[in-house]
Amino acid sequence: MLRIRLQRHGSTHHPVYRIVVCESTSRRDGRFVEIIGSYEPSARGKSLPLTVNLERVDYWTKCGAQPSDTARSLIKKARKAATAETPAA
């Protein structure tokens, strides 16, 4: 079964997370199928705190991938930000 979840990277006290599609049996920072985004909770300057490829999220959810609770909330935030950026015609 495929899952959409976070992998922790970065240094001590400065985490950077990748949003990945992986098998549910793989380790947290182990093997993955595809990287579909990133999340940096303590982003400063010009770096974006959250980037998600929503087209790939839709594709993988149609293929049966289940997002974790945290990934689900980040995807929801990304969708909200994407609709706020796009002006209504």
N, C-alpha and C. Protein backbone atom coordinates (compact mmCIF):
# COMPACT_ATOMS: atom_id res chain seq x y z
N MET A 1 0.84 -1.19 0.00
CA MET A 1 0.00 0.00 0.00
C MET A 1 0.88 1.24 0.00
N LEU A 2 0.54 2.19 -0.83
CA LEU A 2 1.32 3.42 -0.94
C LEU A 2 0.84 4.45 0.07
N ARG A 3 1.79 5.21 0.60
CA ARG A 3 1.51 6.29 1.54
C ARG A 3 2.17 7.56 1.05
N ILE A 4 1.56 8.70 1.35
CA ILE A 4 2.18 10.01 1.15
C ILE A 4 2.55 10.48 2.54
N ARG A 5 3.85 10.65 2.79
CA ARG A 5 4.28 11.03 4.12
C ARG A 5 5.55 11.86 4.08
N LEU A 6 6.03 12.27 5.24
CA LEU A 6 7.18 13.16 5.33
C LEU A 6 8.45 12.38 5.67
N GLN A 7 9.56 12.82 5.07
CA GLN A 7 10.88 12.32 5.41
C GLN A 7 11.64 13.47 6.04
N ARG A 8 12.31 13.21 7.16
CA ARG A 8 13.04 14.28 7.85
C ARG A 8 14.46 14.37 7.33
N HIS A 9 14.87 15.58 6.97
CA HIS A 9 16.24 15.87 6.56
C HIS A 9 16.66 17.13 7.28
N GLY A 10 17.83 17.63 6.97
CA GLY A 10 18.30 18.84 7.63
C GLY A 10 19.19 18.51 8.81
N SER A 11 19.52 19.51 9.59
CA SER A 11 20.43 19.32 10.71
C SER A 11 19.66 19.34 12.03
N THR A 12 20.38 19.13 13.11
CA THR A 12 19.77 19.15 14.43
C THR A 12 19.16 20.52 14.71
N HIS A 13 17.95 20.54 15.20
CA HIS A 13 17.19 21.76 15.52
C HIS A 13 16.84 22.60 14.30
N HIS A 14 17.05 22.10 13.10
CA HIS A 14 16.66 22.80 11.88
C HIS A 14 16.18 21.76 10.87
N PRO A 15 14.99 21.20 11.08
CA PRO A 15 14.51 20.15 10.19
C PRO A 15 14.01 20.70 8.86
N VAL A 16 14.17 19.90 7.84
CA VAL A 16 13.61 20.15 6.53
C VAL A 16 12.96 18.83 6.13
N TYR A 17 11.71 18.88 5.69
CA TYR A 17 10.98 17.66 5.37
C TYR A 17 10.72 17.57 3.88
N ARG A 18 10.79 16.35 3.36
CA ARG A 18 10.38 16.07 1.99
C ARG A 18 9.03 15.37 2.06
N ILE A 19 8.13 15.73 1.19
CA ILE A 19 6.85 15.03 1.08
C ILE A 19 7.03 14.00 -0.02
N VAL A 20 6.92 12.72 0.33
CA VAL A 20 7.24 11.65 -0.60
C VAL A 20 6.10 10.65 -0.70
N VAL A 21 6.11 9.89 -1.78
CA VAL A 21 5.23 8.74 -1.96
C VAL A 21 6.10 7.52 -1.73
N CYS A 22 5.68 6.63 -0.82
CA CYS A 22 6.49 5.45 -0.51
C CYS A 22 5.59 4.29 -0.12
N GLU A 23 6.18 3.12 -0.05
CA GLU A 23 5.47 1.95 0.45
C GLU A 23 5.25 2.13 1.95
N SER A 24 4.15 1.63 2.45
CA SER A 24 3.85 1.80 3.87
C SER A 24 4.80 1.01 4.75
N THR A 25 5.48 0.00 4.20
CA THR A 25 6.39 -0.83 4.99
C THR A 25 7.81 -0.27 5.03
N SER A 26 8.11 0.75 4.23
CA SER A 26 9.47 1.30 4.23
C SER A 26 9.69 2.18 5.46
N ARG A 27 10.97 2.36 5.81
CA ARG A 27 11.32 3.17 6.97
C ARG A 27 11.00 4.65 6.72
N ARG A 28 11.02 5.45 7.77
CA ARG A 28 10.66 6.86 7.65
C ARG A 28 11.55 7.58 6.63
N ASP A 29 12.85 7.39 6.73
CA ASP A 29 13.79 8.05 5.81
C ASP A 29 14.33 7.08 4.77
N GLY A 30 13.60 6.00 4.52
CA GLY A 30 14.07 4.96 3.62
C GLY A 30 13.68 5.18 2.18
N ARG A 31 13.46 4.07 1.50
CA ARG A 31 13.17 4.06 0.07
C ARG A 31 11.84 4.75 -0.23
N PHE A 32 11.80 5.49 -1.35
CA PHE A 32 10.57 6.17 -1.75
C PHE A 32 10.38 6.03 -3.24
N VAL A 33 9.17 6.31 -3.71
CA VAL A 33 8.84 6.22 -5.12
C VAL A 33 9.08 7.56 -5.81
N GLU A 34 8.60 8.65 -5.20
CA GLU A 34 8.72 9.97 -5.82
C GLU A 34 8.66 11.06 -4.75
N ILE A 35 9.43 12.11 -4.96
CA ILE A 35 9.35 13.31 -4.12
C ILE A 35 8.33 14.24 -4.75
N ILE A 36 7.31 14.62 -3.98
CA ILE A 36 6.26 15.48 -4.54
C ILE A 36 6.20 16.85 -3.87
N GLY A 37 7.10 17.12 -2.93
CA GLY A 37 7.10 18.43 -2.30
C GLY A 37 8.11 18.53 -1.19
N SER A 38 8.14 19.70 -0.56
CA SER A 38 9.04 19.91 0.57
C SER A 38 8.38 20.87 1.56
N TYR A 39 8.83 20.78 2.80
CA TYR A 39 8.28 21.62 3.87
C TYR A 39 9.41 22.01 4.80
N GLU A 40 9.58 23.31 4.98
CA GLU A 40 10.60 23.82 5.89
C GLU A 40 9.90 24.67 6.95
N PRO A 41 9.67 24.10 8.16
CA PRO A 41 8.89 24.81 9.18
C PRO A 41 9.51 26.12 9.65
N SER A 42 10.83 26.23 9.60
CA SER A 42 11.48 27.46 10.08
C SER A 42 12.12 28.21 8.92
N ALA A 43 11.38 28.38 7.83
CA ALA A 43 11.90 29.05 6.64
C ALA A 43 12.07 30.54 6.91
N ARG A 44 13.19 31.07 6.44
CA ARG A 44 13.47 32.50 6.60
C ARG A 44 13.98 33.04 5.28
N GLY A 45 13.81 34.31 5.09
CA GLY A 45 14.31 34.93 3.87
C GLY A 45 13.44 34.61 2.67
N LYS A 46 14.10 34.28 1.56
CA LYS A 46 13.37 34.06 0.31
C LYS A 46 12.92 32.62 0.14
N SER A 47 13.33 31.71 1.00
CA SER A 47 12.93 30.31 0.82
C SER A 47 11.46 30.14 1.19
N LEU A 48 10.76 29.33 0.40
CA LEU A 48 9.34 29.07 0.64
C LEU A 48 9.20 27.98 1.70
N PRO A 49 8.31 28.16 2.65
CA PRO A 49 8.15 27.14 3.68
C PRO A 49 7.49 25.87 3.17
N LEU A 50 6.64 25.95 2.14
CA LEU A 50 5.90 24.79 1.67
C LEU A 50 5.79 24.82 0.16
N THR A 51 6.24 23.74 -0.48
CA THR A 51 6.05 23.57 -1.92
C THR A 51 5.52 22.17 -2.15
N VAL A 52 4.41 22.07 -2.88
CA VAL A 52 3.79 20.78 -3.16
C VAL A 52 3.33 20.77 -4.61
N ASN A 53 3.64 19.69 -5.32
CA ASN A 53 3.16 19.51 -6.69
C ASN A 53 1.78 18.86 -6.60
N LEU A 54 0.74 19.67 -6.66
CA LEU A 54 -0.63 19.19 -6.45
C LEU A 54 -1.11 18.25 -7.55
N GLU A 55 -0.59 18.42 -8.78
CA GLU A 55 -0.96 17.50 -9.85
C GLU A 55 -0.50 16.08 -9.53
N ARG A 56 0.72 15.95 -9.00
CA ARG A 56 1.24 14.63 -8.66
C ARG A 56 0.52 14.07 -7.43
N VAL A 57 0.11 14.92 -6.51
CA VAL A 57 -0.66 14.46 -5.35
C VAL A 57 -1.98 13.86 -5.83
N ASP A 58 -2.65 14.55 -6.75
CA ASP A 58 -3.91 14.04 -7.30
C ASP A 58 -3.70 12.71 -8.01
N TYR A 59 -2.62 12.62 -8.78
CA TYR A 59 -2.32 11.38 -9.49
C TYR A 59 -2.14 10.22 -8.52
N TRP A 60 -1.32 10.43 -7.49
CA TRP A 60 -1.03 9.33 -6.55
C TRP A 60 -2.23 8.97 -5.70
N THR A 61 -3.06 9.94 -5.35
CA THR A 61 -4.26 9.59 -4.58
C THR A 61 -5.24 8.80 -5.45
N LYS A 62 -5.29 9.10 -6.75
CA LYS A 62 -6.12 8.30 -7.65
C LYS A 62 -5.58 6.88 -7.79
N CYS A 63 -4.26 6.74 -7.66
CA CYS A 63 -3.65 5.40 -7.72
C CYS A 63 -3.81 4.65 -6.40
N GLY A 64 -4.35 5.29 -5.37
CA GLY A 64 -4.62 4.60 -4.11
C GLY A 64 -3.71 4.98 -2.96
N ALA A 65 -2.85 5.97 -3.13
CA ALA A 65 -1.94 6.38 -2.05
C ALA A 65 -2.74 7.12 -0.97
N GLN A 66 -2.50 6.77 0.28
CA GLN A 66 -3.18 7.40 1.41
C GLN A 66 -2.21 8.36 2.11
N PRO A 67 -2.56 9.64 2.24
CA PRO A 67 -1.66 10.56 2.94
C PRO A 67 -1.73 10.37 4.46
N SER A 68 -0.60 10.60 5.12
CA SER A 68 -0.59 10.58 6.58
C SER A 68 -1.34 11.82 7.07
N ASP A 69 -1.60 11.89 8.36
CA ASP A 69 -2.35 13.04 8.91
C ASP A 69 -1.62 14.35 8.66
N THR A 70 -0.32 14.36 8.90
CA THR A 70 0.47 15.58 8.71
C THR A 70 0.53 15.96 7.23
N ALA A 71 0.76 14.97 6.38
CA ALA A 71 0.82 15.24 4.94
C ALA A 71 -0.52 15.75 4.44
N ARG A 72 -1.60 15.20 4.95
CA ARG A 72 -2.95 15.64 4.55
C ARG A 72 -3.15 17.11 4.90
N SER A 73 -2.72 17.52 6.09
CA SER A 73 -2.90 18.92 6.49
C SER A 73 -2.02 19.85 5.65
N LEU A 74 -0.80 19.42 5.30
CA LEU A 74 0.07 20.25 4.47
C LEU A 74 -0.48 20.36 3.05
N ILE A 75 -1.04 19.29 2.52
CA ILE A 75 -1.65 19.32 1.19
C ILE A 75 -2.84 20.27 1.19
N LYS A 76 -3.61 20.23 2.26
CA LYS A 76 -4.77 21.13 2.37
C LYS A 76 -4.31 22.59 2.39
N LYS A 77 -3.22 22.87 3.13
CA LYS A 77 -2.67 24.23 3.16
C LYS A 77 -2.20 24.66 1.78
N ALA A 78 -1.54 23.75 1.05
CA ALA A 78 -1.03 24.07 -0.28
C ALA A 78 -2.17 24.35 -1.25
N ARG A 79 -3.25 23.58 -1.15
CA ARG A 79 -4.42 23.83 -2.02
C ARG A 79 -5.04 25.20 -1.72
N LYS A 80 -5.11 25.54 -0.45
CA LYS A 80 -5.68 26.82 -0.05
C LYS A 80 -4.82 27.98 -0.58
N ALA A 81 -3.50 27.82 -0.48
CA ALA A 81 -2.59 28.84 -0.98
C ALA A 81 -2.65 28.96 -2.50
N ALA A 82 -2.83 27.83 -3.18
CA ALA A 82 -2.88 27.84 -4.64
C ALA A 82 -4.16 28.54 -5.13
N THR A 83 -5.27 28.34 -4.45
CA THR A 83 -6.51 29.01 -4.85
C THR A 83 -6.46 30.50 -4.51
N ALA A 84 -5.73 30.85 -3.46
CA ALA A 84 -5.61 32.27 -3.09
C ALA A 84 -4.73 33.02 -4.11
N GLU A 85 -3.74 32.34 -4.67
CA GLU A 85 -2.86 32.97 -5.65
C GLU A 85 -3.56 33.19 -6.99
N THR A 86 -4.42 32.27 -7.38
CA THR A 86 -5.08 32.34 -8.67
C THR A 86 -6.30 33.26 -8.57
N PRO A 87 -6.30 34.39 -9.27
CA PRO A 87 -7.47 35.28 -9.21
C PRO A 87 -8.64 34.67 -9.97
N ALA A 88 -9.82 34.88 -9.45
CA ALA A 88 -11.04 34.37 -10.09
C ALA A 88 -11.34 35.21 -11.34
N ALA A 89 -11.66 34.54 -12.43
CA ALA A 89 -11.89 35.25 -13.70
C ALA A 89 -13.32 35.71 -13.84
